[in-house]
Amino acid sequence: MPGPALPLLRSRRAWRVLFWALLIAVSTLMLVPRPPPTLDTGWDKANHLLAFAAPAFAGIAALVRRDRGRMALLGLALLAWGGALELLQGLLPPRSAEWTDWLADAAGIALGAAAYAVASSWLRPRVP
């Protein structure tokens, strides 16, 4: 018997709300002069990796049809968003723009997609 959280996990609306909330939160954190130290992993690249894995996961979960084309488009859009944020960081002292941060963003998007694939296989009903 499914637990009480299972319908919420399947709610596209809940995933869409989470996706947009994550985009706003990550954008804010990447554009403030000094992000809160409590949200820092201690390694900038890990910060980028996690910051992009979360919206990638939520974005895929929010898609009504999860075909490869839509998921690739989502990944490219997130990558473009990361590039735009990096360019904006370069304009905001004391922040800086680094191409290695953008690579960490790309790795985070891939990690989010992989995490979704694993999680969805766990939630898929098993047929005996």
N, C-alpha and C. Protein backbone atom coordinates (compact mmCIF):
# COMPACT_ATOMS: atom_id res chain seq x y z
N MET A 1 0.85 -1.18 0.00
CA MET A 1 0.00 0.00 0.00
C MET A 1 0.89 1.24 0.00
N PRO A 2 0.65 2.19 -0.89
CA PRO A 2 1.49 3.38 -0.95
C PRO A 2 1.31 4.26 0.28
N GLY A 3 2.40 4.90 0.67
CA GLY A 3 2.36 5.80 1.82
C GLY A 3 1.66 7.10 1.47
N PRO A 4 1.40 7.95 2.47
CA PRO A 4 0.67 9.20 2.23
C PRO A 4 1.43 10.19 1.36
N ALA A 5 2.73 10.08 1.28
CA ALA A 5 3.52 11.03 0.49
C ALA A 5 3.53 10.68 -1.00
N LEU A 6 3.18 9.46 -1.35
CA LEU A 6 3.28 9.04 -2.75
C LEU A 6 2.44 9.89 -3.70
N PRO A 7 1.17 10.24 -3.39
CA PRO A 7 0.45 11.11 -4.32
C PRO A 7 1.13 12.47 -4.51
N LEU A 8 1.71 13.02 -3.46
CA LEU A 8 2.42 14.30 -3.57
C LEU A 8 3.63 14.15 -4.48
N LEU A 9 4.34 13.03 -4.39
CA LEU A 9 5.50 12.80 -5.24
C LEU A 9 5.11 12.69 -6.71
N ARG A 10 3.87 12.32 -6.98
CA ARG A 10 3.41 12.19 -8.36
C ARG A 10 2.71 13.44 -8.87
N SER A 11 2.58 14.45 -8.02
CA SER A 11 1.88 15.68 -8.39
C SER A 11 2.77 16.57 -9.26
N ARG A 12 2.41 16.72 -10.53
CA ARG A 12 3.18 17.58 -11.44
C ARG A 12 3.14 19.02 -10.95
N ARG A 13 2.01 19.45 -10.40
CA ARG A 13 1.88 20.82 -9.91
C ARG A 13 2.88 21.08 -8.77
N ALA A 14 2.99 20.15 -7.84
CA ALA A 14 3.93 20.32 -6.72
C ALA A 14 5.37 20.41 -7.24
N TRP A 15 5.72 19.57 -8.22
CA TRP A 15 7.06 19.59 -8.79
C TRP A 15 7.33 20.90 -9.54
N ARG A 16 6.30 21.42 -10.24
CA ARG A 16 6.46 22.70 -10.95
C ARG A 16 6.70 23.84 -9.96
N VAL A 17 5.94 23.86 -8.88
CA VAL A 17 6.14 24.89 -7.85
C VAL A 17 7.55 24.79 -7.27
N LEU A 18 7.97 23.57 -6.96
CA LEU A 18 9.32 23.38 -6.42
C LEU A 18 10.38 23.81 -7.43
N PHE A 19 10.20 23.45 -8.70
CA PHE A 19 11.14 23.82 -9.75
C PHE A 19 11.33 25.33 -9.80
N TRP A 20 10.23 26.08 -9.87
CA TRP A 20 10.33 27.55 -9.95
C TRP A 20 10.88 28.15 -8.66
N ALA A 21 10.53 27.58 -7.52
CA ALA A 21 11.08 28.06 -6.25
C ALA A 21 12.59 27.85 -6.21
N LEU A 22 13.05 26.71 -6.71
CA LEU A 22 14.49 26.44 -6.76
C LEU A 22 15.21 27.39 -7.71
N LEU A 23 14.60 27.68 -8.88
CA LEU A 23 15.21 28.62 -9.81
C LEU A 23 15.38 30.00 -9.16
N ILE A 24 14.36 30.43 -8.45
CA ILE A 24 14.43 31.74 -7.78
C ILE A 24 15.48 31.72 -6.68
N ALA A 25 15.48 30.66 -5.87
CA ALA A 25 16.44 30.57 -4.77
C ALA A 25 17.88 30.52 -5.27
N VAL A 26 18.14 29.69 -6.26
CA VAL A 26 19.51 29.56 -6.80
C VAL A 26 19.94 30.86 -7.46
N SER A 27 19.05 31.48 -8.22
CA SER A 27 19.39 32.76 -8.86
C SER A 27 19.76 33.80 -7.80
N THR A 28 18.97 33.86 -6.75
CA THR A 28 19.24 34.81 -5.68
C THR A 28 20.59 34.53 -5.02
N LEU A 29 20.84 33.27 -4.70
CA LEU A 29 22.10 32.91 -4.04
C LEU A 29 23.31 33.18 -4.93
N MET A 30 23.14 33.02 -6.24
CA MET A 30 24.27 33.23 -7.14
C MET A 30 24.51 34.71 -7.43
N LEU A 31 23.53 35.55 -7.12
CA LEU A 31 23.68 36.96 -7.47
C LEU A 31 23.84 37.89 -6.26
N VAL A 32 23.71 37.35 -5.04
CA VAL A 32 23.97 38.21 -3.87
C VAL A 32 25.48 38.31 -3.68
N PRO A 33 25.96 39.42 -3.11
CA PRO A 33 27.41 39.58 -2.94
C PRO A 33 28.05 38.47 -2.12
N ARG A 34 27.42 38.09 -1.03
CA ARG A 34 27.96 37.03 -0.17
C ARG A 34 26.83 36.11 0.27
N PRO A 35 26.75 34.91 -0.31
CA PRO A 35 25.70 33.97 0.10
C PRO A 35 25.88 33.59 1.57
N PRO A 36 24.80 33.19 2.24
CA PRO A 36 24.91 32.80 3.65
C PRO A 36 25.88 31.63 3.83
N PRO A 37 26.77 31.72 4.81
CA PRO A 37 27.74 30.63 5.01
C PRO A 37 27.09 29.30 5.37
N THR A 38 25.89 29.33 5.91
CA THR A 38 25.21 28.08 6.27
C THR A 38 24.81 27.27 5.03
N LEU A 39 24.76 27.91 3.87
CA LEU A 39 24.40 27.21 2.63
C LEU A 39 25.62 26.87 1.79
N ASP A 40 26.79 26.98 2.36
CA ASP A 40 28.04 26.73 1.64
C ASP A 40 28.57 25.35 2.01
N THR A 41 28.90 24.55 1.01
CA THR A 41 29.45 23.22 1.27
C THR A 41 30.94 23.28 1.63
N GLY A 42 31.54 24.43 1.39
CA GLY A 42 32.97 24.56 1.62
C GLY A 42 33.78 24.44 0.34
N TRP A 43 33.12 24.02 -0.74
CA TRP A 43 33.79 23.91 -2.04
C TRP A 43 32.84 24.48 -3.08
N ASP A 44 33.27 25.51 -3.76
CA ASP A 44 32.45 26.24 -4.71
C ASP A 44 31.86 25.33 -5.78
N LYS A 45 32.62 24.39 -6.27
CA LYS A 45 32.13 23.52 -7.35
C LYS A 45 31.01 22.61 -6.84
N ALA A 46 31.11 22.16 -5.60
CA ALA A 46 30.03 21.35 -5.03
C ALA A 46 28.77 22.20 -4.86
N ASN A 47 28.95 23.46 -4.51
CA ASN A 47 27.79 24.37 -4.41
C ASN A 47 27.06 24.43 -5.75
N HIS A 48 27.82 24.61 -6.83
CA HIS A 48 27.22 24.68 -8.17
C HIS A 48 26.58 23.35 -8.56
N LEU A 49 27.25 22.26 -8.28
CA LEU A 49 26.74 20.93 -8.61
C LEU A 49 25.37 20.71 -7.96
N LEU A 50 25.27 20.97 -6.67
CA LEU A 50 24.02 20.76 -5.95
C LEU A 50 22.95 21.78 -6.36
N ALA A 51 23.39 23.02 -6.62
CA ALA A 51 22.44 24.06 -6.99
C ALA A 51 21.76 23.77 -8.32
N PHE A 52 22.39 23.00 -9.18
CA PHE A 52 21.79 22.69 -10.48
C PHE A 52 21.19 21.29 -10.52
N ALA A 53 21.63 20.40 -9.63
CA ALA A 53 21.03 19.06 -9.58
C ALA A 53 19.58 19.14 -9.10
N ALA A 54 19.32 19.99 -8.13
CA ALA A 54 17.97 20.07 -7.56
C ALA A 54 16.93 20.55 -8.58
N PRO A 55 17.16 21.68 -9.26
CA PRO A 55 16.14 22.07 -10.25
C PRO A 55 16.06 21.12 -11.45
N ALA A 56 17.16 20.46 -11.79
CA ALA A 56 17.09 19.48 -12.89
C ALA A 56 16.17 18.33 -12.49
N PHE A 57 16.33 17.83 -11.28
CA PHE A 57 15.48 16.75 -10.78
C PHE A 57 14.03 17.19 -10.77
N ALA A 58 13.76 18.34 -10.15
CA ALA A 58 12.38 18.84 -10.04
C ALA A 58 11.80 19.15 -11.41
N GLY A 59 12.60 19.69 -12.31
CA GLY A 59 12.12 20.01 -13.65
C GLY A 59 11.71 18.78 -14.43
N ILE A 60 12.49 17.73 -14.33
CA ILE A 60 12.13 16.48 -15.02
C ILE A 60 10.86 15.90 -14.41
N ALA A 61 10.77 15.93 -13.08
CA ALA A 61 9.58 15.40 -12.41
C ALA A 61 8.33 16.21 -12.79
N ALA A 62 8.50 17.49 -13.10
CA ALA A 62 7.37 18.35 -13.45
C ALA A 62 6.89 18.16 -14.88
N LEU A 63 7.70 17.58 -15.73
CA LEU A 63 7.30 17.40 -17.13
C LEU A 63 6.13 16.43 -17.22
N VAL A 64 5.13 16.81 -17.99
CA VAL A 64 3.96 15.94 -18.16
C VAL A 64 4.36 14.69 -18.94
N ARG A 65 5.08 14.90 -20.03
CA ARG A 65 5.64 13.78 -20.80
C ARG A 65 7.15 13.87 -20.70
N ARG A 66 7.75 12.80 -20.22
CA ARG A 66 9.20 12.81 -20.04
C ARG A 66 9.89 12.10 -21.20
N ASP A 67 9.75 12.66 -22.39
CA ASP A 67 10.47 12.10 -23.51
C ASP A 67 11.87 12.72 -23.56
N ARG A 68 12.75 12.08 -24.26
CA ARG A 68 14.15 12.53 -24.29
C ARG A 68 14.31 13.94 -24.84
N GLY A 69 13.50 14.29 -25.83
CA GLY A 69 13.58 15.62 -26.41
C GLY A 69 13.26 16.71 -25.39
N ARG A 70 12.20 16.51 -24.63
CA ARG A 70 11.82 17.49 -23.61
C ARG A 70 12.87 17.57 -22.51
N MET A 71 13.40 16.43 -22.12
CA MET A 71 14.42 16.43 -21.06
C MET A 71 15.70 17.10 -21.56
N ALA A 72 16.06 16.87 -22.81
CA ALA A 72 17.25 17.52 -23.37
C ALA A 72 17.04 19.03 -23.45
N LEU A 73 15.84 19.45 -23.84
CA LEU A 73 15.53 20.88 -23.90
C LEU A 73 15.60 21.51 -22.52
N LEU A 74 15.08 20.82 -21.52
CA LEU A 74 15.17 21.30 -20.14
C LEU A 74 16.63 21.43 -19.72
N GLY A 75 17.44 20.42 -20.02
CA GLY A 75 18.86 20.47 -19.67
C GLY A 75 19.58 21.63 -20.35
N LEU A 76 19.29 21.85 -21.62
CA LEU A 76 19.91 22.97 -22.34
C LEU A 76 19.45 24.32 -21.78
N ALA A 77 18.17 24.41 -21.42
CA ALA A 77 17.67 25.65 -20.83
C ALA A 77 18.34 25.92 -19.48
N LEU A 78 18.50 24.88 -18.67
CA LEU A 78 19.18 25.05 -17.38
C LEU A 78 20.65 25.42 -17.59
N LEU A 79 21.27 24.84 -18.60
CA LEU A 79 22.66 25.17 -18.89
C LEU A 79 22.80 26.63 -19.35
N ALA A 80 21.88 27.09 -20.18
CA ALA A 80 21.88 28.48 -20.61
C ALA A 80 21.64 29.42 -19.43
N TRP A 81 20.72 29.05 -18.56
CA TRP A 81 20.44 29.83 -17.34
C TRP A 81 21.71 29.91 -16.48
N GLY A 82 22.42 28.80 -16.34
CA GLY A 82 23.67 28.81 -15.57
C GLY A 82 24.72 29.71 -16.21
N GLY A 83 24.82 29.67 -17.53
CA GLY A 83 25.76 30.55 -18.22
C GLY A 83 25.41 32.01 -18.03
N ALA A 84 24.13 32.33 -18.10
CA ALA A 84 23.70 33.72 -17.89
C ALA A 84 24.01 34.17 -16.46
N LEU A 85 23.79 33.29 -15.49
CA LEU A 85 24.10 33.65 -14.10
C LEU A 85 25.60 33.86 -13.91
N GLU A 86 26.41 33.03 -14.57
CA GLU A 86 27.87 33.21 -14.48
C GLU A 86 28.28 34.56 -15.06
N LEU A 87 27.71 34.91 -16.21
CA LEU A 87 28.04 36.21 -16.81
C LEU A 87 27.63 37.36 -15.90
N LEU A 88 26.46 37.23 -15.29
CA LEU A 88 26.02 38.27 -14.35
C LEU A 88 26.92 38.34 -13.12
N GLN A 89 27.38 37.19 -12.65
CA GLN A 89 28.30 37.18 -11.50
C GLN A 89 29.57 37.95 -11.83
N GLY A 90 30.01 37.88 -13.07
CA GLY A 90 31.21 38.59 -13.47
C GLY A 90 31.06 40.11 -13.39
N LEU A 91 29.83 40.59 -13.36
CA LEU A 91 29.56 42.02 -13.27
C LEU A 91 29.35 42.50 -11.84
N LEU A 92 29.30 41.57 -10.90
CA LEU A 92 28.95 41.91 -9.52
C LEU A 92 30.12 41.67 -8.57
N PRO A 93 30.83 42.74 -8.18
CA PRO A 93 31.89 42.52 -7.19
C PRO A 93 31.26 42.14 -5.85
N PRO A 94 31.80 41.29 -5.08
CA PRO A 94 33.08 40.58 -5.21
C PRO A 94 32.96 39.25 -5.93
N ARG A 95 31.86 38.99 -6.63
CA ARG A 95 31.67 37.73 -7.35
C ARG A 95 32.54 37.70 -8.60
N SER A 96 32.67 36.53 -9.18
CA SER A 96 33.44 36.40 -10.42
C SER A 96 32.81 35.33 -11.30
N ALA A 97 33.06 35.42 -12.59
CA ALA A 97 32.56 34.42 -13.53
C ALA A 97 33.69 33.45 -13.84
N GLU A 98 33.39 32.15 -13.75
CA GLU A 98 34.40 31.12 -14.03
C GLU A 98 33.77 30.04 -14.91
N TRP A 99 34.48 29.66 -15.96
CA TRP A 99 33.94 28.63 -16.83
C TRP A 99 33.88 27.28 -16.12
N THR A 100 34.75 27.07 -15.11
CA THR A 100 34.70 25.81 -14.36
C THR A 100 33.43 25.72 -13.51
N ASP A 101 32.91 26.87 -13.09
CA ASP A 101 31.62 26.86 -12.39
C ASP A 101 30.51 26.42 -13.33
N TRP A 102 30.60 26.88 -14.57
CA TRP A 102 29.60 26.49 -15.56
C TRP A 102 29.68 24.99 -15.85
N LEU A 103 30.88 24.43 -15.84
CA LEU A 103 31.04 22.98 -16.01
C LEU A 103 30.43 22.24 -14.82
N ALA A 104 30.61 22.80 -13.62
CA ALA A 104 30.00 22.20 -12.43
C ALA A 104 28.47 22.28 -12.52
N ASP A 105 27.96 23.36 -13.09
CA ASP A 105 26.51 23.48 -13.32
C ASP A 105 26.05 22.34 -14.23
N ALA A 106 26.79 22.10 -15.32
CA ALA A 106 26.45 21.04 -16.27
C ALA A 106 26.49 19.67 -15.59
N ALA A 107 27.49 19.45 -14.76
CA ALA A 107 27.58 18.18 -14.03
C ALA A 107 26.40 18.04 -13.08
N GLY A 108 25.98 19.14 -12.47
CA GLY A 108 24.82 19.11 -11.58
C GLY A 108 23.54 18.75 -12.33
N ILE A 109 23.39 19.29 -13.52
CA ILE A 109 22.21 18.97 -14.35
C ILE A 109 22.21 17.47 -14.66
N ALA A 110 23.36 16.93 -15.03
CA ALA A 110 23.46 15.49 -15.30
C ALA A 110 23.18 14.67 -14.04
N LEU A 111 23.69 15.13 -12.91
CA LEU A 111 23.46 14.43 -11.65
C LEU A 111 21.96 14.43 -11.30
N GLY A 112 21.31 15.57 -11.49
CA GLY A 112 19.87 15.65 -11.21
C GLY A 112 19.07 14.70 -12.09
N ALA A 113 19.44 14.63 -13.37
CA ALA A 113 18.76 13.72 -14.29
C ALA A 113 18.98 12.26 -13.89
N ALA A 114 20.21 11.94 -13.52
CA ALA A 114 20.52 10.56 -13.10
C ALA A 114 19.79 10.22 -11.80
N ALA A 115 19.75 11.16 -10.87
CA ALA A 115 19.04 10.93 -9.61
C ALA A 115 17.56 10.71 -9.86
N TYR A 116 16.99 11.46 -10.80
CA TYR A 116 15.58 11.27 -11.14
C TYR A 116 15.35 9.87 -11.71
N ALA A 117 16.23 9.43 -12.58
CA ALA A 117 16.09 8.10 -13.18
C ALA A 117 16.10 7.02 -12.11
N VAL A 118 17.00 7.15 -11.15
CA VAL A 118 17.07 6.17 -10.06
C VAL A 118 15.82 6.24 -9.19
N ALA A 119 15.44 7.46 -8.78
CA ALA A 119 14.28 7.62 -7.90
C ALA A 119 13.01 7.13 -8.57
N SER A 120 12.83 7.43 -9.86
CA SER A 120 11.60 7.00 -10.53
C SER A 120 11.55 5.48 -10.67
N SER A 121 12.71 4.84 -10.80
CA SER A 121 12.68 3.38 -10.88
C SER A 121 12.30 2.77 -9.53
N TRP A 122 12.65 3.44 -8.43
CA TRP A 122 12.27 2.96 -7.10
C TRP A 122 10.76 3.12 -6.86
N LEU A 123 10.18 4.19 -7.42
CA LEU A 123 8.76 4.47 -7.20
C LEU A 123 7.85 3.73 -8.18
N ARG A 124 8.43 3.20 -9.25
CA ARG A 124 7.63 2.48 -10.26
C ARG A 124 7.06 1.21 -9.62
N PRO A 125 5.76 0.96 -9.82
CA PRO A 125 5.17 -0.26 -9.25
C PRO A 125 5.85 -1.52 -9.80
N ARG A 126 6.07 -2.45 -8.95
CA ARG A 126 6.70 -3.72 -9.34
C ARG A 126 5.61 -4.72 -9.74
N VAL A 127 5.79 -5.33 -10.87
CA VAL A 127 4.86 -6.36 -11.32
C VAL A 127 5.52 -7.72 -11.06
N PRO A 128 4.86 -8.54 -10.24
CA PRO A 128 5.47 -9.85 -9.91
C PRO A 128 5.51 -10.79 -11.08
